[in-house]
Amino acid sequence: MFRWRRATPSAPKEREPAGPELPDLLAAQLRIFASAPSLSVVDAGAHHGQTTIEYLKHFPRSRVIALEPEPENFALARQALAPFGDRVELLPCALAESGGSVSLRRTSHSGAHSLLEVGDMRYYDAPVETLPPIEVQAVSLDSLCASHGLDRLDILKMDIQGAELLALRGAASLLARQAIGLIALEVLFQPLYRDQPTFWDIADHLRSWGYALQGIHDQRHHAVNRAVLRWADAVFVAPSLLAL
């Protein structure tokens, strides 16, 4: 479950004015896009709208297309995002390789719904109960951007529980043109879902399109064995952002 998390504070620098502490993942994106006049953002797996709100607050000239396919999550996100008006568009869709109807496999944890079946529960914070799946509409990122007249995208954020590689395969046109500036996504290191891609699968896929790893944030280790890394958040950037 992708959430903004507070960075571990480091030793303060002398004469540096005090300011609000930002989550490390958000701070990384702010450092890259601080001077951007406006941003286009897609937030896939919006859950209750938490991350979308952070983008809207910290990038005040941004516009966000948020996707949340699960009806109860969608209703809560719609309520939370209502104050932002037309700066955000919330769609009841899943991001996938192609459009059409897909099966959303739900669980008792509202942040663990996925297009994939639940995997090894030893790697969860607590066991989750599987609920009956529902049919939802899916859209590819290429078709979503085309329908909204977006030739390029500044930020793609994904927290879609193991389906990130499927969604990236549905963005082949954008990736071929390196038209997504930054990709922030949850990456898995253990089999939380059946037949899921790992971090290395996603990294290899993005590297084949010329994207580079900016950083790995918010590493989540197993409570029983701290040697076991379960998941984290990763940021990849297009070659256009790598110029020195």
C-alpha atoms as a PDB file:
ATOM      1  CA  MET A   1       0.000   0.000   0.000  1.00  0.00           C
ATOM      2  CA  PHE A   2       1.616   3.176  -1.242  1.00  0.00           C
ATOM      3  CA  ARG A   3       1.432   6.025   1.296  1.00  0.00           C
ATOM      4  CA  TRP A   4       3.385   9.183   1.834  1.00  0.00           C
ATOM      5  CA  ARG A   5       5.699   8.470   4.770  1.00  0.00           C
ATOM      6  CA  ARG A   6       7.894  10.743   6.769  1.00  0.00           C
ATOM      7  CA  ALA A   7      11.603  10.561   6.122  1.00  0.00           C
ATOM      8  CA  THR A   8      13.916   9.760   8.992  1.00  0.00           C
ATOM      9  CA  PRO A   9      15.176  13.171  10.095  1.00  0.00           C
ATOM     10  CA  SER A  10      18.865  13.852   9.591  1.00  0.00           C
ATOM     11  CA  ALA A  11      21.063  16.199  11.565  1.00  0.00           C
ATOM     12  CA  PRO A  12      19.921  19.800  10.917  1.00  0.00           C
ATOM     13  CA  LYS A  13      22.234  22.134   9.064  1.00  0.00           C
ATOM     14  CA  GLU A  14      23.352  25.306  10.795  1.00  0.00           C
ATOM     15  CA  ARG A  15      21.319  28.428   9.972  1.00  0.00           C
ATOM     16  CA  GLU A  16      18.853  26.410   7.932  1.00  0.00           C
ATOM     17  CA  PRO A  17      15.360  27.705   8.594  1.00  0.00           C
ATOM     18  CA  ALA A  18      12.931  25.246  10.103  1.00  0.00           C
ATOM     19  CA  GLY A  19      10.150  24.067   7.806  1.00  0.00           C
ATOM     20  CA  PRO A  20       7.548  21.321   7.504  1.00  0.00           C
ATOM     21  CA  GLU A  21       9.057  17.860   7.238  1.00  0.00           C
ATOM     22  CA  LEU A  22       8.112  16.194   3.975  1.00  0.00           C
ATOM     23  CA  PRO A  23       7.852  12.481   3.230  1.00  0.00           C
ATOM     24  CA  ASP A  24      10.997  11.308   1.448  1.00  0.00           C
ATOM     25  CA  LEU A  25       9.168  10.139  -1.687  1.00  0.00           C
ATOM     26  CA  LEU A  26       7.317  13.425  -2.071  1.00  0.00           C
ATOM     27  CA  ALA A  27      10.460  15.443  -1.317  1.00  0.00           C
ATOM     28  CA  ALA A  28      12.310  13.588  -4.097  1.00  0.00           C
ATOM     29  CA  GLN A  29       9.670  14.607  -6.617  1.00  0.00           C
ATOM     30  CA  LEU A  30       9.553  18.183  -5.343  1.00  0.00           C
ATOM     31  CA  ARG A  31      13.306  18.496  -5.827  1.00  0.00           C
ATOM     32  CA  ILE A  32      12.954  17.421  -9.448  1.00  0.00           C
ATOM     33  CA  PHE A  33       9.885  19.469 -10.367  1.00  0.00           C
ATOM     34  CA  ALA A  34      10.127  22.454  -8.016  1.00  0.00           C
ATOM     35  CA  SER A  35      10.411  24.988 -10.856  1.00  0.00           C
ATOM     36  CA  ALA A  36       7.893  23.407 -13.226  1.00  0.00           C
ATOM     37  CA  PRO A  37       5.173  25.893 -14.261  1.00  0.00           C
ATOM     38  CA  SER A  38       2.483  23.185 -14.340  1.00  0.00           C
ATOM     39  CA  LEU A  39       2.347  19.419 -14.113  1.00  0.00           C
ATOM     40  CA  SER A  40       0.181  16.667 -15.554  1.00  0.00           C
ATOM     41  CA  VAL A  41      -0.172  13.718 -13.176  1.00  0.00           C
ATOM     42  CA  VAL A  42      -1.868  10.329 -13.348  1.00  0.00           C
ATOM     43  CA  ASP A  43      -2.476   8.673  -9.978  1.00  0.00           C
ATOM     44  CA  ALA A  44      -3.368   5.009 -10.545  1.00  0.00           C
ATOM     45  CA  GLY A  45      -4.638   3.257  -7.449  1.00  0.00           C
ATOM     46  CA  ALA A  46      -5.872   6.438  -5.793  1.00  0.00           C
ATOM     47  CA  HIS A  47      -7.415   4.490  -2.876  1.00  0.00           C
ATOM     48  CA  HIS A  48      -9.065   7.187  -0.710  1.00  0.00           C
ATOM     49  CA  GLY A  49      -7.377  10.081  -2.486  1.00  0.00           C
ATOM     50  CA  GLN A  50      -4.490  10.576  -0.062  1.00  0.00           C
ATOM     51  CA  THR A  51      -1.675  10.739  -2.590  1.00  0.00           C
ATOM     52  CA  THR A  52      -3.712  12.740  -5.080  1.00  0.00           C
ATOM     53  CA  ILE A  53      -4.277  15.371  -2.391  1.00  0.00           C
ATOM     54  CA  GLU A  54      -0.536  15.578  -1.719  1.00  0.00           C
ATOM     55  CA  TYR A  55       0.146  16.223  -5.403  1.00  0.00           C
ATOM     56  CA  LEU A  56      -2.555  18.883  -5.568  1.00  0.00           C
ATOM     57  CA  LYS A  57      -1.310  20.608  -2.420  1.00  0.00           C
ATOM     58  CA  HIS A  58       2.423  20.548  -3.091  1.00  0.00           C
ATOM     59  CA  PHE A  59       2.207  21.117  -6.842  1.00  0.00           C
ATOM     60  CA  PRO A  60      -0.437  23.881  -6.808  1.00  0.00           C
ATOM     61  CA  ARG A  61      -0.481  24.301 -10.591  1.00  0.00           C
ATOM     62  CA  SER A  62      -0.852  20.625 -11.305  1.00  0.00           C
ATOM     63  CA  ARG A  63      -3.833  18.734 -12.668  1.00  0.00           C
ATOM     64  CA  VAL A  64      -4.376  15.111 -11.684  1.00  0.00           C
ATOM     65  CA  ILE A  65      -6.252  12.269 -13.321  1.00  0.00           C
ATOM     66  CA  ALA A  66      -6.904   9.769 -10.509  1.00  0.00           C
ATOM     67  CA  LEU A  67      -8.045   6.179 -11.061  1.00  0.00           C
ATOM     68  CA  GLU A  68      -9.706   4.003  -8.417  1.00  0.00           C
ATOM     69  CA  PRO A  69     -11.738   0.977  -9.579  1.00  0.00           C
ATOM     70  CA  GLU A  70     -13.101  -0.313  -6.249  1.00  0.00           C
ATOM     71  CA  PRO A  71     -16.532   1.272  -5.570  1.00  0.00           C
ATOM     72  CA  GLU A  72     -16.184   1.915  -1.821  1.00  0.00           C
ATOM     73  CA  ASN A  73     -12.692   3.355  -2.229  1.00  0.00           C
ATOM     74  CA  PHE A  74     -13.946   5.436  -5.171  1.00  0.00           C
ATOM     75  CA  ALA A  75     -16.770   6.937  -3.096  1.00  0.00           C
ATOM     76  CA  LEU A  76     -14.380   7.950  -0.304  1.00  0.00           C
ATOM     77  CA  ALA A  77     -11.882   9.382  -2.795  1.00  0.00           C
ATOM     78  CA  ARG A  78     -14.607  11.396  -4.535  1.00  0.00           C
ATOM     79  CA  GLN A  79     -15.617  12.951  -1.222  1.00  0.00           C
ATOM     80  CA  ALA A  80     -12.020  13.755  -0.251  1.00  0.00           C
ATOM     81  CA  LEU A  81     -11.165  15.269  -3.638  1.00  0.00           C
ATOM     82  CA  ALA A  82     -14.324  17.340  -4.080  1.00  0.00           C
ATOM     83  CA  PRO A  83     -12.752  20.553  -2.678  1.00  0.00           C
ATOM     84  CA  PHE A  84     -10.184  20.591  -5.496  1.00  0.00           C
ATOM     85  CA  GLY A  85     -12.798  21.053  -8.218  1.00  0.00           C
ATOM     86  CA  ASP A  86     -11.706  20.675 -11.818  1.00  0.00           C
ATOM     87  CA  ARG A  87      -8.024  20.325 -10.910  1.00  0.00           C
ATOM     88  CA  VAL A  88      -8.686  16.623 -10.442  1.00  0.00           C
ATOM     89  CA  GLU A  89     -10.661  14.089 -12.455  1.00  0.00           C
ATOM     90  CA  LEU A  90     -11.494  10.841 -10.669  1.00  0.00           C
ATOM     91  CA  LEU A  91     -12.286   7.816 -12.844  1.00  0.00           C
ATOM     92  CA  PRO A  92     -13.683   4.432 -11.675  1.00  0.00           C
ATOM     93  CA  CYS A  93     -11.133   2.487 -13.729  1.00  0.00           C
ATOM     94  CA  ALA A  94      -8.178   0.175 -13.294  1.00  0.00           C
ATOM     95  CA  LEU A  95      -4.954   0.882 -15.159  1.00  0.00           C
ATOM     96  CA  ALA A  96      -3.987  -2.179 -17.185  1.00  0.00           C
ATOM     97  CA  GLU A  97      -2.372  -3.368 -20.397  1.00  0.00           C
ATOM     98  CA  SER A  98      -5.523  -2.801 -22.442  1.00  0.00           C
ATOM     99  CA  GLY A  99      -9.084  -1.574 -22.086  1.00  0.00           C
ATOM    100  CA  GLY A 100     -12.161  -3.647 -21.304  1.00  0.00           C
ATOM    101  CA  SER A 101     -13.679  -5.494 -18.382  1.00  0.00           C
ATOM    102  CA  VAL A 102     -11.303  -7.074 -15.859  1.00  0.00           C
ATOM    103  CA  SER A 103     -11.718  -8.954 -12.600  1.00  0.00           C
ATOM    104  CA  LEU A 104     -10.717  -6.998  -9.497  1.00  0.00           C
ATOM    105  CA  ARG A 105      -9.766  -9.396  -6.724  1.00  0.00           C
ATOM    106  CA  ARG A 106     -10.768  -7.791  -3.462  1.00  0.00           C
ATOM    107  CA  THR A 107      -9.564  -8.417   0.071  1.00  0.00           C
ATOM    108  CA  SER A 108     -10.567  -7.381   3.579  1.00  0.00           C
ATOM    109  CA  HIS A 109      -7.849  -4.683   3.406  1.00  0.00           C
ATOM    110  CA  SER A 110      -9.063  -1.801   1.268  1.00  0.00           C
ATOM    111  CA  GLY A 111      -5.533  -1.090   0.076  1.00  0.00           C
ATOM    112  CA  ALA A 112      -4.778  -4.633  -1.106  1.00  0.00           C
ATOM    113  CA  HIS A 113      -7.282  -5.076  -3.959  1.00  0.00           C
ATOM    114  CA  SER A 114      -5.530  -6.226  -7.113  1.00  0.00           C
ATOM    115  CA  LEU A 115      -5.939  -7.582 -10.617  1.00  0.00           C
ATOM    116  CA  LEU A 116      -3.799 -10.472  -9.332  1.00  0.00           C
ATOM    117  CA  GLU A 117      -4.675 -13.164  -6.810  1.00  0.00           C
ATOM    118  CA  VAL A 118      -3.327 -12.926  -3.277  1.00  0.00           C
ATOM    119  CA  GLY A 119      -0.012 -14.724  -2.845  1.00  0.00           C
ATOM    120  CA  ASP A 120       2.047 -15.702   0.183  1.00  0.00           C
ATOM    121  CA  MET A 121       0.471 -14.149   3.273  1.00  0.00           C
ATOM    122  CA  ARG A 122       3.649 -14.601   5.292  1.00  0.00           C
ATOM    123  CA  TYR A 123       4.777 -11.326   3.756  1.00  0.00           C
ATOM    124  CA  TYR A 124       1.688  -9.301   4.720  1.00  0.00           C
ATOM    125  CA  ASP A 125       1.525  -7.166   7.861  1.00  0.00           C
ATOM    126  CA  ALA A 126      -1.480  -9.266   8.873  1.00  0.00           C
ATOM    127  CA  PRO A 127      -3.477 -11.988   7.129  1.00  0.00           C
ATOM    128  CA  VAL A 128      -6.141 -10.691   4.749  1.00  0.00           C
ATOM    129  CA  GLU A 129      -9.392 -12.367   3.843  1.00  0.00           C
ATOM    130  CA  THR A 130     -10.201 -12.765   0.167  1.00  0.00           C
ATOM    131  CA  LEU A 131     -13.574 -11.377  -0.897  1.00  0.00           C
ATOM    132  CA  PRO A 132     -15.618 -12.151  -4.021  1.00  0.00           C
ATOM    133  CA  PRO A 133     -14.095 -10.453  -7.083  1.00  0.00           C
ATOM    134  CA  ILE A 134     -15.988  -7.841  -9.057  1.00  0.00           C
ATOM    135  CA  GLU A 135     -15.843  -6.809 -12.695  1.00  0.00           C
ATOM    136  CA  VAL A 136     -14.475  -3.314 -13.320  1.00  0.00           C
ATOM    137  CA  GLN A 137     -13.462  -1.333 -16.364  1.00  0.00           C
ATOM    138  CA  ALA A 138      -9.805  -1.077 -17.286  1.00  0.00           C
ATOM    139  CA  VAL A 139      -7.969   1.444 -19.435  1.00  0.00           C
ATOM    140  CA  SER A 140      -4.427   1.569 -20.795  1.00  0.00           C
ATOM    141  CA  LEU A 141      -2.273   4.602 -20.085  1.00  0.00           C
ATOM    142  CA  ASP A 142      -1.728   5.190 -23.809  1.00  0.00           C
ATOM    143  CA  SER A 143      -5.460   5.345 -24.472  1.00  0.00           C
ATOM    144  CA  LEU A 144      -6.148   7.401 -21.331  1.00  0.00           C
ATOM    145  CA  CYS A 145      -3.642  10.065 -22.323  1.00  0.00           C
ATOM    146  CA  ALA A 146      -4.842  10.054 -25.933  1.00  0.00           C
ATOM    147  CA  SER A 147      -8.465  10.547 -24.862  1.00  0.00           C
ATOM    148  CA  HIS A 148      -7.426  13.494 -22.672  1.00  0.00           C
ATOM    149  CA  GLY A 149      -5.239  15.103 -25.316  1.00  0.00           C
ATOM    150  CA  LEU A 150      -2.057  14.538 -23.312  1.00  0.00           C
ATOM    151  CA  ASP A 151       0.973  14.166 -25.558  1.00  0.00           C
ATOM    152  CA  ARG A 152       3.194  13.684 -22.519  1.00  0.00           C
ATOM    153  CA  LEU A 153       2.849  13.097 -18.799  1.00  0.00           C
ATOM    154  CA  ASP A 154       5.008  14.640 -16.104  1.00  0.00           C
ATOM    155  CA  ILE A 155       4.316  12.140 -13.310  1.00  0.00           C
ATOM    156  CA  LEU A 156       2.866   8.644 -13.340  1.00  0.00           C
ATOM    157  CA  LYS A 157       2.201   7.320  -9.851  1.00  0.00           C
ATOM    158  CA  MET A 158       1.088   3.701  -9.464  1.00  0.00           C
ATOM    159  CA  ASP A 159       0.080   1.708  -6.409  1.00  0.00           C
ATOM    160  CA  ILE A 160      -1.879  -1.096  -8.026  1.00  0.00           C
ATOM    161  CA  GLN A 161      -0.747  -4.071  -6.010  1.00  0.00           C
ATOM    162  CA  GLY A 162       1.459  -6.077  -8.328  1.00  0.00           C
ATOM    163  CA  ALA A 163      -0.172  -5.009 -11.610  1.00  0.00           C
ATOM    164  CA  GLU A 164       2.352  -2.249 -12.336  1.00  0.00           C
ATOM    165  CA  LEU A 165       4.118  -4.112 -15.136  1.00  0.00           C
ATOM    166  CA  LEU A 166       0.784  -4.784 -16.857  1.00  0.00           C
ATOM    167  CA  ALA A 167       0.083  -1.054 -16.745  1.00  0.00           C
ATOM    168  CA  LEU A 168       3.532  -0.207 -18.116  1.00  0.00           C
ATOM    169  CA  ARG A 169       2.937  -2.555 -21.042  1.00  0.00           C
ATOM    170  CA  GLY A 170      -0.140  -0.479 -21.772  1.00  0.00           C
ATOM    171  CA  ALA A 171       2.061   2.622 -21.968  1.00  0.00           C
ATOM    172  CA  ALA A 172       4.348   1.409 -24.761  1.00  0.00           C
ATOM    173  CA  SER A 173       3.709   4.423 -26.988  1.00  0.00           C
ATOM    174  CA  LEU A 174       4.443   6.913 -24.209  1.00  0.00           C
ATOM    175  CA  LEU A 175       7.533   5.006 -23.052  1.00  0.00           C
ATOM    176  CA  ALA A 176       8.865   4.649 -26.602  1.00  0.00           C
ATOM    177  CA  ARG A 177       8.781   8.448 -26.899  1.00  0.00           C
ATOM    178  CA  GLN A 178      10.080   8.786 -23.312  1.00  0.00           C
ATOM    179  CA  ALA A 179       7.029  10.975 -22.807  1.00  0.00           C
ATOM    180  CA  ILE A 180       6.540  10.160 -19.120  1.00  0.00           C
ATOM    181  CA  GLY A 181       8.913  12.337 -17.116  1.00  0.00           C
ATOM    182  CA  LEU A 182       8.837  10.515 -13.780  1.00  0.00           C
ATOM    183  CA  ILE A 183       7.364   7.209 -12.646  1.00  0.00           C
ATOM    184  CA  ALA A 184       6.748   6.687  -8.915  1.00  0.00           C
ATOM    185  CA  LEU A 185       5.465   3.235  -8.068  1.00  0.00           C
ATOM    186  CA  GLU A 186       5.286   0.589  -5.420  1.00  0.00           C
ATOM    187  CA  VAL A 187       7.678  -2.290  -6.125  1.00  0.00           C
ATOM    188  CA  LEU A 188       7.520  -5.758  -4.592  1.00  0.00           C
ATOM    189  CA  PHE A 189      10.416  -7.969  -3.580  1.00  0.00           C
ATOM    190  CA  GLN A 190       8.422 -10.923  -2.200  1.00  0.00           C
ATOM    191  CA  PRO A 191       5.449 -12.861  -3.672  1.00  0.00           C
ATOM    192  CA  LEU A 192       2.568 -10.948  -2.125  1.00  0.00           C
ATOM    193  CA  TYR A 193       0.519 -11.724  -5.256  1.00  0.00           C
ATOM    194  CA  ARG A 194       0.539 -14.709  -7.583  1.00  0.00           C
ATOM    195  CA  ASP A 195       2.618 -14.319 -10.741  1.00  0.00           C
ATOM    196  CA  GLN A 196       3.520 -10.745  -9.823  1.00  0.00           C
ATOM    197  CA  PRO A 197       6.527  -8.947 -11.281  1.00  0.00           C
ATOM    198  CA  THR A 198       9.341  -8.087  -8.902  1.00  0.00           C
ATOM    199  CA  PHE A 199      11.277  -4.849  -8.636  1.00  0.00           C
ATOM    200  CA  TRP A 200      13.903  -6.288 -10.996  1.00  0.00           C
ATOM    201  CA  ASP A 201      11.295  -7.124 -13.649  1.00  0.00           C
ATOM    202  CA  ILE A 202      10.016  -3.556 -13.583  1.00  0.00           C
ATOM    203  CA  ALA A 203      13.520  -2.077 -13.512  1.00  0.00           C
ATOM    204  CA  ASP A 204      14.559  -4.175 -16.532  1.00  0.00           C
ATOM    205  CA  HIS A 205      11.424  -3.149 -18.418  1.00  0.00           C
ATOM    206  CA  LEU A 206      11.924   0.560 -17.789  1.00  0.00           C
ATOM    207  CA  ARG A 207      15.648   0.370 -18.483  1.00  0.00           C
ATOM    208  CA  SER A 208      14.846  -1.070 -21.908  1.00  0.00           C
ATOM    209  CA  TRP A 209      13.077   2.232 -22.651  1.00  0.00           C
ATOM    210  CA  GLY A 210      15.984   4.318 -21.365  1.00  0.00           C
ATOM    211  CA  TYR A 211      14.614   5.120 -17.913  1.00  0.00           C
ATOM    212  CA  ALA A 212      16.943   5.366 -14.908  1.00  0.00           C
ATOM    213  CA  LEU A 213      16.378   4.607 -11.250  1.00  0.00           C
ATOM    214  CA  GLN A 214      16.322   7.812  -9.185  1.00  0.00           C
ATOM    215  CA  GLY A 215      15.926   6.138  -5.809  1.00  0.00           C
ATOM    216  CA  ILE A 216      14.234   3.551  -3.606  1.00  0.00           C
ATOM    217  CA  HIS A 217      12.164   5.000  -0.794  1.00  0.00           C
ATOM    218  CA  ASP A 218      10.238   3.755   2.236  1.00  0.00           C
ATOM    219  CA  GLN A 219      11.653   0.239   2.392  1.00  0.00           C
ATOM    220  CA  ARG A 220       9.364  -2.140   4.262  1.00  0.00           C
ATOM    221  CA  HIS A 221      11.117  -5.063   5.943  1.00  0.00           C
ATOM    222  CA  HIS A 222       9.521  -8.049   7.615  1.00  0.00           C
ATOM    223  CA  ALA A 223       8.822  -7.563  11.316  1.00  0.00           C
ATOM    224  CA  VAL A 224      10.022 -11.081  12.138  1.00  0.00           C
ATOM    225  CA  ASN A 225      13.204 -11.000  10.050  1.00  0.00           C
ATOM    226  CA  ARG A 226      14.631  -7.588   9.217  1.00  0.00           C
ATOM    227  CA  ALA A 227      16.812  -9.146   6.516  1.00  0.00           C
ATOM    228  CA  VAL A 228      13.678  -9.692   4.398  1.00  0.00           C
ATOM    229  CA  LEU A 229      12.736  -6.686   2.268  1.00  0.00           C
ATOM    230  CA  ARG A 230       9.069  -6.984   1.293  1.00  0.00           C
ATOM    231  CA  TRP A 231       8.261  -3.863  -0.697  1.00  0.00           C
ATOM    232  CA  ALA A 232       9.278  -0.251  -1.236  1.00  0.00           C
ATOM    233  CA  ASP A 233       8.522   2.778  -3.386  1.00  0.00           C
ATOM    234  CA  ALA A 234      10.754   3.471  -6.383  1.00  0.00           C
ATOM    235  CA  VAL A 235      11.204   6.479  -8.648  1.00  0.00           C
ATOM    236  CA  PHE A 236      12.375   6.182 -12.263  1.00  0.00           C
ATOM    237  CA  VAL A 237      13.094   9.165 -14.515  1.00  0.00           C
ATOM    238  CA  ALA A 238      13.231   9.712 -18.267  1.00  0.00           C
ATOM    239  CA  PRO A 239      16.563  10.546 -19.975  1.00  0.00           C
ATOM    240  CA  SER A 240      15.397  14.149 -20.454  1.00  0.00           C
ATOM    241  CA  LEU A 241      15.650  14.669 -16.688  1.00  0.00           C
ATOM    242  CA  LEU A 242      19.204  13.329 -16.432  1.00  0.00           C
ATOM    243  CA  ALA A 243      21.108  16.114 -18.154  1.00  0.00           C
ATOM    244  CA  LEU A 244      23.959  17.628 -16.086  1.00  0.00           C
END
